[in-house]
Amino acid sequence: WVRHRIRVIILKQWKRRGTMIENLWKLNRKNRNGFTHERIFAQCM
């Protein structure tokens, strides 16, 4: 529950959906999470 509330604050501070997609994509590539850009885009939009 605590981690969820922190995640929401992080998303809120990114403000725009485009910024959210870009930042999540960067973290996804850096940490090799394996999500496609399309899936990240679909979840954020």
ModelCIF file with pLDDT and N, C-alpha, C, O atoms, coordinates in Angstrom:
data_MODEL
#
_entry.id   MODEL 
#
_entity.id                         1 
_entity.type                       polymer 
_entity.pdbx_number_of_molecules   1 
#
_entity_poly.entity_id                      1 
_entity_poly.type                           'polypeptide(L)' 
_entity_poly.nstd_linkage                   no 
_entity_poly.nstd_monomer                   no 
_entity_poly.pdbx_seq_one_letter_code       WVRHRIRVIILKQWKRRGTMIENLWKLNRKNRNGFTHERIFAQCM 
_entity_poly.pdbx_seq_one_letter_code_can   WVRHRIRVIILKQWKRRGTMIENLWKLNRKNRNGFTHERIFAQCM 
_entity_poly.pdbx_strand_id                 A 
#
loop_
_entity_poly_seq.entity_id 
_entity_poly_seq.num 
_entity_poly_seq.mon_id 
_entity_poly_seq.hetero 
1 1  TRP n 
1 2  VAL n 
1 3  ARG n 
1 4  HIS n 
1 5  ARG n 
1 6  ILE n 
1 7  ARG n 
1 8  VAL n 
1 9  ILE n 
1 10 ILE n 
1 11 LEU n 
1 12 LYS n 
1 13 GLN n 
1 14 TRP n 
1 15 LYS n 
1 16 ARG n 
1 17 ARG n 
1 18 GLY n 
1 19 THR n 
1 20 MET n 
1 21 ILE n 
1 22 GLU n 
1 23 ASN n 
1 24 LEU n 
1 25 TRP n 
1 26 LYS n 
1 27 LEU n 
1 28 ASN n 
1 29 ARG n 
1 30 LYS n 
1 31 ASN n 
1 32 ARG n 
1 33 ASN n 
1 34 GLY n 
1 35 PHE n 
1 36 THR n 
1 37 HIS n 
1 38 GLU n 
1 39 ARG n 
1 40 ILE n 
1 41 PHE n 
1 42 ALA n 
1 43 GLN n 
1 44 CYS n 
1 45 MET n 
#
_struct_asym.id          A 
_struct_asym.entity_id   1 
#
loop_
_ma_qa_metric.id 
_ma_qa_metric.mode 
_ma_qa_metric.name 
_ma_qa_metric.software_group_id 
_ma_qa_metric.type 
1 global pLDDT . pLDDT 
2 local  pLDDT . pLDDT 
#
_ma_qa_metric_global.metric_id      1 
_ma_qa_metric_global.metric_value   87.27 
_ma_qa_metric_global.model_id       1 
_ma_qa_metric_global.ordinal_id     1 
#
loop_
_ma_qa_metric_local.label_asym_id 
_ma_qa_metric_local.label_comp_id 
_ma_qa_metric_local.label_seq_id 
_ma_qa_metric_local.metric_id 
_ma_qa_metric_local.metric_value 
_ma_qa_metric_local.model_id 
_ma_qa_metric_local.ordinal_id 
A TRP 1  2 96.00 1 1  
A VAL 2  2 96.00 1 2  
A ARG 3  2 95.00 1 3  
A HIS 4  2 92.00 1 4  
A ARG 5  2 93.00 1 5  
A ILE 6  2 93.00 1 6  
A ARG 7  2 91.00 1 7  
A VAL 8  2 90.00 1 8  
A ILE 9  2 91.00 1 9  
A ILE 10 2 90.00 1 10 
A LEU 11 2 88.00 1 11 
A LYS 12 2 87.00 1 12 
A GLN 13 2 89.00 1 13 
A TRP 14 2 87.00 1 14 
A LYS 15 2 83.00 1 15 
A ARG 16 2 85.00 1 16 
A ARG 17 2 84.00 1 17 
A GLY 18 2 88.00 1 18 
A THR 19 2 88.00 1 19 
A MET 20 2 84.00 1 20 
A ILE 21 2 86.00 1 21 
A GLU 22 2 89.00 1 22 
A ASN 23 2 86.00 1 23 
A LEU 24 2 87.00 1 24 
A TRP 25 2 89.00 1 25 
A LYS 26 2 89.00 1 26 
A LEU 27 2 88.00 1 27 
A ASN 28 2 82.00 1 28 
A ARG 29 2 87.00 1 29 
A LYS 30 2 86.00 1 30 
A ASN 31 2 84.00 1 31 
A ARG 32 2 84.00 1 32 
A ASN 33 2 83.00 1 33 
A GLY 34 2 84.00 1 34 
A PHE 35 2 85.00 1 35 
A THR 36 2 86.00 1 36 
A HIS 37 2 86.00 1 37 
A GLU 38 2 86.00 1 38 
A ARG 39 2 86.00 1 39 
A ILE 40 2 85.00 1 40 
A PHE 41 2 88.00 1 41 
A ALA 42 2 84.00 1 42 
A GLN 43 2 81.00 1 43 
A CYS 44 2 81.00 1 44 
A MET 45 2 85.00 1 45 
#
loop_
_atom_site.group_PDB 
_atom_site.id 
_atom_site.type_symbol 
_atom_site.label_atom_id 
_atom_site.label_alt_id 
_atom_site.label_comp_id 
_atom_site.label_asym_id 
_atom_site.label_entity_id 
_atom_site.label_seq_id 
_atom_site.pdbx_PDB_ins_code 
_atom_site.Cartn_x 
_atom_site.Cartn_y 
_atom_site.Cartn_z 
_atom_site.occupancy 
_atom_site.B_iso_or_equiv 
_atom_site.pdbx_formal_charge 
_atom_site.auth_seq_id 
_atom_site.auth_comp_id 
_atom_site.auth_asym_id 
_atom_site.auth_atom_id 
_atom_site.pdbx_PDB_model_num 
ATOM 1   N N  . TRP A 1 1  ? 0.829  -1.220 0.000   1.00 96.00 ? 1  TRP A N  1 
ATOM 2   C CA . TRP A 1 1  ? 0.000  0.000  0.000   1.00 96.00 ? 1  TRP A CA 1 
ATOM 3   C C  . TRP A 1 1  ? 0.855  1.258  0.000   1.00 96.00 ? 1  TRP A C  1 
ATOM 4   O O  . TRP A 1 1  ? 0.558  2.204  -0.730  1.00 96.00 ? 1  TRP A O  1 
ATOM 5   N N  . VAL A 1 2  ? 1.915  1.286  0.809   1.00 96.00 ? 2  VAL A N  1 
ATOM 6   C CA . VAL A 1 2  ? 2.815  2.446  0.847   1.00 96.00 ? 2  VAL A CA 1 
ATOM 7   C C  . VAL A 1 2  ? 3.488  2.634  -0.508  1.00 96.00 ? 2  VAL A C  1 
ATOM 8   O O  . VAL A 1 2  ? 3.546  3.748  -1.029  1.00 96.00 ? 2  VAL A O  1 
ATOM 9   N N  . ARG A 1 3  ? 3.995  1.544  -1.073  1.00 95.00 ? 3  ARG A N  1 
ATOM 10  C CA . ARG A 1 3  ? 4.668  1.639  -2.368  1.00 95.00 ? 3  ARG A CA 1 
ATOM 11  C C  . ARG A 1 3  ? 3.713  2.124  -3.449  1.00 95.00 ? 3  ARG A C  1 
ATOM 12  O O  . ARG A 1 3  ? 4.108  2.893  -4.325  1.00 95.00 ? 3  ARG A O  1 
ATOM 13  N N  . HIS A 1 4  ? 2.473  1.686  -3.396  1.00 92.00 ? 4  HIS A N  1 
ATOM 14  C CA . HIS A 1 4  ? 1.480  2.140  -4.368  1.00 92.00 ? 4  HIS A CA 1 
ATOM 15  C C  . HIS A 1 4  ? 1.279  3.645  -4.277  1.00 92.00 ? 4  HIS A C  1 
ATOM 16  O O  . HIS A 1 4  ? 1.213  4.325  -5.301  1.00 92.00 ? 4  HIS A O  1 
ATOM 17  N N  . ARG A 1 5  ? 1.181  4.167  -3.070  1.00 93.00 ? 5  ARG A N  1 
ATOM 18  C CA . ARG A 1 5  ? 0.976  5.608  -2.904  1.00 93.00 ? 5  ARG A CA 1 
ATOM 19  C C  . ARG A 1 5  ? 2.176  6.392  -3.408  1.00 93.00 ? 5  ARG A C  1 
ATOM 20  O O  . ARG A 1 5  ? 2.013  7.481  -3.958  1.00 93.00 ? 5  ARG A O  1 
ATOM 21  N N  . ILE A 1 6  ? 3.360  5.866  -3.233  1.00 93.00 ? 6  ILE A N  1 
ATOM 22  C CA . ILE A 1 6  ? 4.552  6.536  -3.758  1.00 93.00 ? 6  ILE A CA 1 
ATOM 23  C C  . ILE A 1 6  ? 4.560  6.492  -5.286  1.00 93.00 ? 6  ILE A C  1 
ATOM 24  O O  . ILE A 1 6  ? 4.921  7.476  -5.931  1.00 93.00 ? 6  ILE A O  1 
ATOM 25  N N  . ARG A 1 7  ? 4.167  5.361  -5.867  1.00 91.00 ? 7  ARG A N  1 
ATOM 26  C CA . ARG A 1 7  ? 4.090  5.261  -7.326  1.00 91.00 ? 7  ARG A CA 1 
ATOM 27  C C  . ARG A 1 7  ? 3.133  6.302  -7.899  1.00 91.00 ? 7  ARG A C  1 
ATOM 28  O O  . ARG A 1 7  ? 3.438  6.944  -8.905  1.00 91.00 ? 7  ARG A O  1 
ATOM 29  N N  . VAL A 1 8  ? 2.004  6.464  -7.275  1.00 90.00 ? 8  VAL A N  1 
ATOM 30  C CA . VAL A 1 8  ? 1.014  7.432  -7.749  1.00 90.00 ? 8  VAL A CA 1 
ATOM 31  C C  . VAL A 1 8  ? 1.590  8.847  -7.712  1.00 90.00 ? 8  VAL A C  1 
ATOM 32  O O  . VAL A 1 8  ? 1.355  9.637  -8.626  1.00 90.00 ? 8  VAL A O  1 
ATOM 33  N N  . ILE A 1 9  ? 2.344  9.169  -6.656  1.00 91.00 ? 9  ILE A N  1 
ATOM 34  C CA . ILE A 1 9  ? 2.966  10.491 -6.560  1.00 91.00 ? 9  ILE A CA 1 
ATOM 35  C C  . ILE A 1 9  ? 3.984  10.681 -7.682  1.00 91.00 ? 9  ILE A C  1 
ATOM 36  O O  . ILE A 1 9  ? 4.054  11.751 -8.287  1.00 91.00 ? 9  ILE A O  1 
ATOM 37  N N  . ILE A 1 10 ? 4.770  9.645  -7.959  1.00 90.00 ? 10 ILE A N  1 
ATOM 38  C CA . ILE A 1 10 ? 5.748  9.718  -9.051  1.00 90.00 ? 10 ILE A CA 1 
ATOM 39  C C  . ILE A 1 10 ? 5.038  9.996  -10.378 1.00 90.00 ? 10 ILE A C  1 
ATOM 40  O O  . ILE A 1 10 ? 5.456  10.869 -11.138 1.00 90.00 ? 10 ILE A O  1 
ATOM 41  N N  . LEU A 1 11 ? 3.969  9.255  -10.652 1.00 88.00 ? 11 LEU A N  1 
ATOM 42  C CA . LEU A 1 11 ? 3.204  9.463  -11.887 1.00 88.00 ? 11 LEU A CA 1 
ATOM 43  C C  . LEU A 1 11 ? 2.628  10.872 -11.937 1.00 88.00 ? 11 LEU A C  1 
ATOM 44  O O  . LEU A 1 11 ? 2.657  11.527 -12.978 1.00 88.00 ? 11 LEU A O  1 
ATOM 45  N N  . LYS A 1 12 ? 2.113  11.323 -10.825 1.00 87.00 ? 12 LYS A N  1 
ATOM 46  C CA . LYS A 1 12 ? 1.523  12.655 -10.750 1.00 87.00 ? 12 LYS A CA 1 
ATOM 47  C C  . LYS A 1 12 ? 2.561  13.734 -11.032 1.00 87.00 ? 12 LYS A C  1 
ATOM 48  O O  . LYS A 1 12 ? 2.260  14.730 -11.690 1.00 87.00 ? 12 LYS A O  1 
ATOM 49  N N  . GLN A 1 13 ? 3.781  13.541 -10.537 1.00 89.00 ? 13 GLN A N  1 
ATOM 50  C CA . GLN A 1 13 ? 4.833  14.533 -10.761 1.00 89.00 ? 13 GLN A CA 1 
ATOM 51  C C  . GLN A 1 13 ? 5.308  14.550 -12.210 1.00 89.00 ? 13 GLN A C  1 
ATOM 52  O O  . GLN A 1 13 ? 5.804  15.570 -12.689 1.00 89.00 ? 13 GLN A O  1 
ATOM 53  N N  . TRP A 1 14 ? 5.160  13.439 -12.901 1.00 87.00 ? 14 TRP A N  1 
ATOM 54  C CA . TRP A 1 14 ? 5.484  13.432 -14.330 1.00 87.00 ? 14 TRP A CA 1 
ATOM 55  C C  . TRP A 1 14 ? 4.465  14.213 -15.158 1.00 87.00 ? 14 TRP A C  1 
ATOM 56  O O  . TRP A 1 14 ? 4.754  14.641 -16.275 1.00 87.00 ? 14 TRP A O  1 
ATOM 57  N N  . LYS A 1 15 ? 3.295  14.386 -14.607 1.00 83.00 ? 15 LYS A N  1 
ATOM 58  C CA . LYS A 1 15 ? 2.226  15.251 -15.141 1.00 83.00 ? 15 LYS A CA 1 
ATOM 59  C C  . LYS A 1 15 ? 1.636  14.781 -16.467 1.00 83.00 ? 15 LYS A C  1 
ATOM 60  O O  . LYS A 1 15 ? 0.473  14.377 -16.514 1.00 83.00 ? 15 LYS A O  1 
ATOM 61  N N  . ARG A 1 16 ? 2.394  14.824 -17.512 1.00 85.00 ? 16 ARG A N  1 
ATOM 62  C CA . ARG A 1 16 ? 1.865  14.509 -18.841 1.00 85.00 ? 16 ARG A CA 1 
ATOM 63  C C  . ARG A 1 16 ? 1.987  13.027 -19.161 1.00 85.00 ? 16 ARG A C  1 
ATOM 64  O O  . ARG A 1 16 ? 2.932  12.361 -18.738 1.00 85.00 ? 16 ARG A O  1 
ATOM 65  N N  . ARG A 1 17 ? 1.021  12.524 -19.911 1.00 84.00 ? 17 ARG A N  1 
ATOM 66  C CA . ARG A 1 17 ? 1.059  11.119 -20.306 1.00 84.00 ? 17 ARG A CA 1 
ATOM 67  C C  . ARG A 1 17 ? 2.297  10.814 -21.156 1.00 84.00 ? 17 ARG A C  1 
ATOM 68  O O  . ARG A 1 17 ? 2.898  9.747  -21.035 1.00 84.00 ? 17 ARG A O  1 
ATOM 69  N N  . GLY A 1 18 ? 2.669  11.774 -22.019 1.00 88.00 ? 18 GLY A N  1 
ATOM 70  C CA . GLY A 1 18 ? 3.847  11.576 -22.847 1.00 88.00 ? 18 GLY A CA 1 
ATOM 71  C C  . GLY A 1 18 ? 5.115  11.427 -22.015 1.00 88.00 ? 18 GLY A C  1 
ATOM 72  O O  . GLY A 1 18 ? 5.954  10.572 -22.297 1.00 88.00 ? 18 GLY A O  1 
ATOM 73  N N  . THR A 1 19 ? 5.250  12.269 -20.983 1.00 88.00 ? 19 THR A N  1 
ATOM 74  C CA . THR A 1 19 ? 6.406  12.187 -20.088 1.00 88.00 ? 19 THR A CA 1 
ATOM 75  C C  . THR A 1 19 ? 6.402  10.863 -19.332 1.00 88.00 ? 19 THR A C  1 
ATOM 76  O O  . THR A 1 19 ? 7.449  10.253 -19.117 1.00 88.00 ? 19 THR A O  1 
ATOM 77  N N  . MET A 1 20 ? 5.222  10.433 -18.939 1.00 84.00 ? 20 MET A N  1 
ATOM 78  C CA . MET A 1 20 ? 5.079  9.165  -18.233 1.00 84.00 ? 20 MET A CA 1 
ATOM 79  C C  . MET A 1 20 ? 5.551  8.002  -19.112 1.00 84.00 ? 20 MET A C  1 
ATOM 80  O O  . MET A 1 20 ? 6.313  7.143  -18.669 1.00 84.00 ? 20 MET A O  1 
ATOM 81  N N  . ILE A 1 21 ? 5.086  7.992  -20.357 1.00 86.00 ? 21 ILE A N  1 
ATOM 82  C CA . ILE A 1 21 ? 5.463  6.930  -21.292 1.00 86.00 ? 21 ILE A CA 1 
ATOM 83  C C  . ILE A 1 21 ? 6.981  6.914  -21.501 1.00 86.00 ? 21 ILE A C  1 
ATOM 84  O O  . ILE A 1 21 ? 7.609  5.856  -21.489 1.00 86.00 ? 21 ILE A O  1 
ATOM 85  N N  . GLU A 1 22 ? 7.556  8.104  -21.694 1.00 89.00 ? 22 GLU A N  1 
ATOM 86  C CA . GLU A 1 22 ? 8.995  8.224  -21.945 1.00 89.00 ? 22 GLU A CA 1 
ATOM 87  C C  . GLU A 1 22 ? 9.809  7.729  -20.756 1.00 89.00 ? 22 GLU A C  1 
ATOM 88  O O  . GLU A 1 22 ? 10.773 6.983  -20.931 1.00 89.00 ? 22 GLU A O  1 
ATOM 89  N N  . ASN A 1 23 ? 9.426  8.143  -19.538 1.00 86.00 ? 23 ASN A N  1 
ATOM 90  C CA . ASN A 1 23 ? 10.184 7.759  -18.343 1.00 86.00 ? 23 ASN A CA 1 
ATOM 91  C C  . ASN A 1 23 ? 10.054 6.269  -18.041 1.00 86.00 ? 23 ASN A C  1 
ATOM 92  O O  . ASN A 1 23 ? 11.029 5.615  -17.670 1.00 86.00 ? 23 ASN A O  1 
ATOM 93  N N  . LEU A 1 24 ? 8.845  5.739  -18.201 1.00 87.00 ? 24 LEU A N  1 
ATOM 94  C CA . LEU A 1 24 ? 8.657  4.310  -17.973 1.00 87.00 ? 24 LEU A CA 1 
ATOM 95  C C  . LEU A 1 24 ? 9.434  3.485  -18.996 1.00 87.00 ? 24 LEU A C  1 
ATOM 96  O O  . LEU A 1 24 ? 9.984  2.434  -18.668 1.00 87.00 ? 24 LEU A O  1 
ATOM 97  N N  . TRP A 1 25 ? 9.477  3.974  -20.248 1.00 89.00 ? 25 TRP A N  1 
ATOM 98  C CA . TRP A 1 25 ? 10.208 3.265  -21.291 1.00 89.00 ? 25 TRP A CA 1 
ATOM 99  C C  . TRP A 1 25 ? 11.713 3.246  -20.989 1.00 89.00 ? 25 TRP A C  1 
ATOM 100 O O  . TRP A 1 25 ? 12.375 2.227  -21.186 1.00 89.00 ? 25 TRP A O  1 
ATOM 101 N N  . LYS A 1 26 ? 12.243 4.363  -20.517 1.00 89.00 ? 26 LYS A N  1 
ATOM 102 C CA . LYS A 1 26 ? 13.661 4.437  -20.162 1.00 89.00 ? 26 LYS A CA 1 
ATOM 103 C C  . LYS A 1 26 ? 13.999 3.462  -19.034 1.00 89.00 ? 26 LYS A C  1 
ATOM 104 O O  . LYS A 1 26 ? 14.995 2.742  -19.098 1.00 89.00 ? 26 LYS A O  1 
ATOM 105 N N  . LEU A 1 27 ? 13.152 3.451  -17.997 1.00 88.00 ? 27 LEU A N  1 
ATOM 106 C CA . LEU A 1 27 ? 13.377 2.533  -16.878 1.00 88.00 ? 27 LEU A CA 1 
ATOM 107 C C  . LEU A 1 27 ? 13.218 1.085  -17.319 1.00 88.00 ? 27 LEU A C  1 
ATOM 108 O O  . LEU A 1 27 ? 13.944 0.204  -16.860 1.00 88.00 ? 27 LEU A O  1 
ATOM 109 N N  . ASN A 1 28 ? 12.266 0.847  -18.208 1.00 82.00 ? 28 ASN A N  1 
ATOM 110 C CA . ASN A 1 28 ? 12.034 -0.499 -18.736 1.00 82.00 ? 28 ASN A CA 1 
ATOM 111 C C  . ASN A 1 28 ? 13.270 -1.027 -19.458 1.00 82.00 ? 28 ASN A C  1 
ATOM 112 O O  . ASN A 1 28 ? 13.668 -2.176 -19.266 1.00 82.00 ? 28 ASN A O  1 
ATOM 113 N N  . ARG A 1 29 ? 13.869 -0.181 -20.287 1.00 87.00 ? 29 ARG A N  1 
ATOM 114 C CA . ARG A 1 29 ? 15.075 -0.592 -21.016 1.00 87.00 ? 29 ARG A CA 1 
ATOM 115 C C  . ARG A 1 29 ? 16.272 -0.751 -20.082 1.00 87.00 ? 29 ARG A C  1 
ATOM 116 O O  . ARG A 1 29 ? 17.027 -1.717 -20.195 1.00 87.00 ? 29 ARG A O  1 
ATOM 117 N N  . LYS A 1 30 ? 16.443 0.188  -19.169 1.00 86.00 ? 30 LYS A N  1 
ATOM 118 C CA . LYS A 1 30 ? 17.574 0.162  -18.251 1.00 86.00 ? 30 LYS A CA 1 
ATOM 119 C C  . LYS A 1 30 ? 17.568 -1.086 -17.371 1.00 86.00 ? 30 LYS A C  1 
ATOM 120 O O  . LYS A 1 30 ? 18.606 -1.709 -17.149 1.00 86.00 ? 30 LYS A O  1 
ATOM 121 N N  . ASN A 1 31 ? 16.397 -1.434 -16.882 1.00 84.00 ? 31 ASN A N  1 
ATOM 122 C CA . ASN A 1 31 ? 16.288 -2.561 -15.956 1.00 84.00 ? 31 ASN A CA 1 
ATOM 123 C C  . ASN A 1 31 ? 15.859 -3.864 -16.631 1.00 84.00 ? 31 ASN A C  1 
ATOM 124 O O  . ASN A 1 31 ? 15.649 -4.881 -15.970 1.00 84.00 ? 31 ASN A O  1 
ATOM 125 N N  . ARG A 1 32 ? 15.732 -3.815 -17.972 1.00 84.00 ? 32 ARG A N  1 
ATOM 126 C CA . ARG A 1 32 ? 15.402 -5.000 -18.757 1.00 84.00 ? 32 ARG A CA 1 
ATOM 127 C C  . ARG A 1 32 ? 14.127 -5.687 -18.249 1.00 84.00 ? 32 ARG A C  1 
ATOM 128 O O  . ARG A 1 32 ? 14.107 -6.888 -17.976 1.00 84.00 ? 32 ARG A O  1 
ATOM 129 N N  . ASN A 1 33 ? 13.075 -4.886 -18.136 1.00 83.00 ? 33 ASN A N  1 
ATOM 130 C CA . ASN A 1 33 ? 11.807 -5.427 -17.654 1.00 83.00 ? 33 ASN A CA 1 
ATOM 131 C C  . ASN A 1 33 ? 11.055 -6.221 -18.725 1.00 83.00 ? 33 ASN A C  1 
ATOM 132 O O  . ASN A 1 33 ? 10.223 -7.070 -18.403 1.00 83.00 ? 33 ASN A O  1 
ATOM 133 N N  . GLY A 1 34 ? 11.348 -5.945 -19.986 1.00 84.00 ? 34 GLY A N  1 
ATOM 134 C CA . GLY A 1 34 ? 10.799 -6.760 -21.064 1.00 84.00 ? 34 GLY A CA 1 
ATOM 135 C C  . GLY A 1 34 ? 9.481  -6.305 -21.652 1.00 84.00 ? 34 GLY A C  1 
ATOM 136 O O  . GLY A 1 34 ? 8.902  -7.023 -22.468 1.00 84.00 ? 34 GLY A O  1 
ATOM 137 N N  . PHE A 1 35 ? 8.981  -5.129 -21.266 1.00 85.00 ? 35 PHE A N  1 
ATOM 138 C CA . PHE A 1 35 ? 7.731  -4.636 -21.848 1.00 85.00 ? 35 PHE A CA 1 
ATOM 139 C C  . PHE A 1 35 ? 7.997  -3.971 -23.194 1.00 85.00 ? 35 PHE A C  1 
ATOM 140 O O  . PHE A 1 35 ? 9.035  -3.338 -23.388 1.00 85.00 ? 35 PHE A O  1 
ATOM 141 N N  . THR A 1 36 ? 7.062  -4.117 -24.110 1.00 86.00 ? 36 THR A N  1 
ATOM 142 C CA . THR A 1 36 ? 7.167  -3.428 -25.389 1.00 86.00 ? 36 THR A CA 1 
ATOM 143 C C  . THR A 1 36 ? 6.719  -1.986 -25.230 1.00 86.00 ? 36 THR A C  1 
ATOM 144 O O  . THR A 1 36 ? 5.979  -1.649 -24.306 1.00 86.00 ? 36 THR A O  1 
ATOM 145 N N  . HIS A 1 37 ? 7.177  -1.140 -26.140 1.00 86.00 ? 37 HIS A N  1 
ATOM 146 C CA . HIS A 1 37 ? 6.771  0.261  -26.108 1.00 86.00 ? 37 HIS A CA 1 
ATOM 147 C C  . HIS A 1 37 ? 5.256  0.380  -26.288 1.00 86.00 ? 37 HIS A C  1 
ATOM 148 O O  . HIS A 1 37 ? 4.613  1.239  -25.684 1.00 86.00 ? 37 HIS A O  1 
ATOM 149 N N  . GLU A 1 38 ? 4.702  -0.490 -27.123 1.00 86.00 ? 38 GLU A N  1 
ATOM 150 C CA . GLU A 1 38 ? 3.257  -0.462 -27.377 1.00 86.00 ? 38 GLU A CA 1 
ATOM 151 C C  . GLU A 1 38 ? 2.462  -0.750 -26.112 1.00 86.00 ? 38 GLU A C  1 
ATOM 152 O O  . GLU A 1 38 ? 1.440  -0.115 -25.855 1.00 86.00 ? 38 GLU A O  1 
ATOM 153 N N  . ARG A 1 39 ? 2.936  -1.714 -25.320 1.00 86.00 ? 39 ARG A N  1 
ATOM 154 C CA . ARG A 1 39 ? 2.200  -2.057 -24.104 1.00 86.00 ? 39 ARG A CA 1 
ATOM 155 C C  . ARG A 1 39 ? 2.267  -0.930 -23.084 1.00 86.00 ? 39 ARG A C  1 
ATOM 156 O O  . ARG A 1 39 ? 1.268  -0.610 -22.440 1.00 86.00 ? 39 ARG A O  1 
ATOM 157 N N  . ILE A 1 40 ? 3.444  -0.328 -22.936 1.00 85.00 ? 40 ILE A N  1 
ATOM 158 C CA . ILE A 1 40 ? 3.589  0.807  -22.026 1.00 85.00 ? 40 ILE A CA 1 
ATOM 159 C C  . ILE A 1 40 ? 2.674  1.944  -22.467 1.00 85.00 ? 40 ILE A C  1 
ATOM 160 O O  . ILE A 1 40 ? 2.002  2.568  -21.645 1.00 85.00 ? 40 ILE A O  1 
ATOM 161 N N  . PHE A 1 41 ? 2.656  2.206  -23.774 1.00 88.00 ? 41 PHE A N  1 
ATOM 162 C CA . PHE A 1 41 ? 1.802  3.261  -24.325 1.00 88.00 ? 41 PHE A CA 1 
ATOM 163 C C  . PHE A 1 41 ? 0.333  2.976  -24.021 1.00 88.00 ? 41 PHE A C  1 
ATOM 164 O O  . PHE A 1 41 ? -0.400 3.867  -23.592 1.00 88.00 ? 41 PHE A O  1 
ATOM 165 N N  . ALA A 1 42 ? -0.093 1.741  -24.244 1.00 84.00 ? 42 ALA A N  1 
ATOM 166 C CA . ALA A 1 42 ? -1.503 1.372  -24.041 1.00 84.00 ? 42 ALA A CA 1 
ATOM 167 C C  . ALA A 1 42 ? -1.909 1.514  -22.580 1.00 84.00 ? 42 ALA A C  1 
ATOM 168 O O  . ALA A 1 42 ? -3.009 1.983  -22.286 1.00 84.00 ? 42 ALA A O  1 
ATOM 169 N N  . GLN A 1 43 ? -1.022 1.110  -21.650 1.00 81.00 ? 43 GLN A N  1 
ATOM 170 C CA . GLN A 1 43 ? -1.332 1.201  -20.224 1.00 81.00 ? 43 GLN A CA 1 
ATOM 171 C C  . GLN A 1 43 ? -1.426 2.647  -19.757 1.00 81.00 ? 43 GLN A C  1 
ATOM 172 O O  . GLN A 1 43 ? -2.279 2.986  -18.937 1.00 81.00 ? 43 GLN A O  1 
ATOM 173 N N  . CYS A 1 44 ? -0.548 3.497  -20.281 1.00 81.00 ? 44 CYS A N  1 
ATOM 174 C CA . CYS A 1 44 ? -0.518 4.896  -19.859 1.00 81.00 ? 44 CYS A CA 1 
ATOM 175 C C  . CYS A 1 44 ? -1.663 5.720  -20.447 1.00 81.00 ? 44 CYS A C  1 
ATOM 176 O O  . CYS A 1 44 ? -2.070 6.718  -19.853 1.00 81.00 ? 44 CYS A O  1 
ATOM 177 N N  . MET A 1 45 ? -2.176 5.324  -21.581 1.00 85.00 ? 45 MET A N  1 
ATOM 178 C CA . MET A 1 45 ? -3.198 6.111  -22.261 1.00 85.00 ? 45 MET A CA 1 
ATOM 179 C C  . MET A 1 45 ? -4.620 5.699  -21.897 1.00 85.00 ? 45 MET A C  1 
ATOM 180 O O  . MET A 1 45 ? -5.580 6.283  -22.400 1.00 85.00 ? 45 MET A O  1 
#
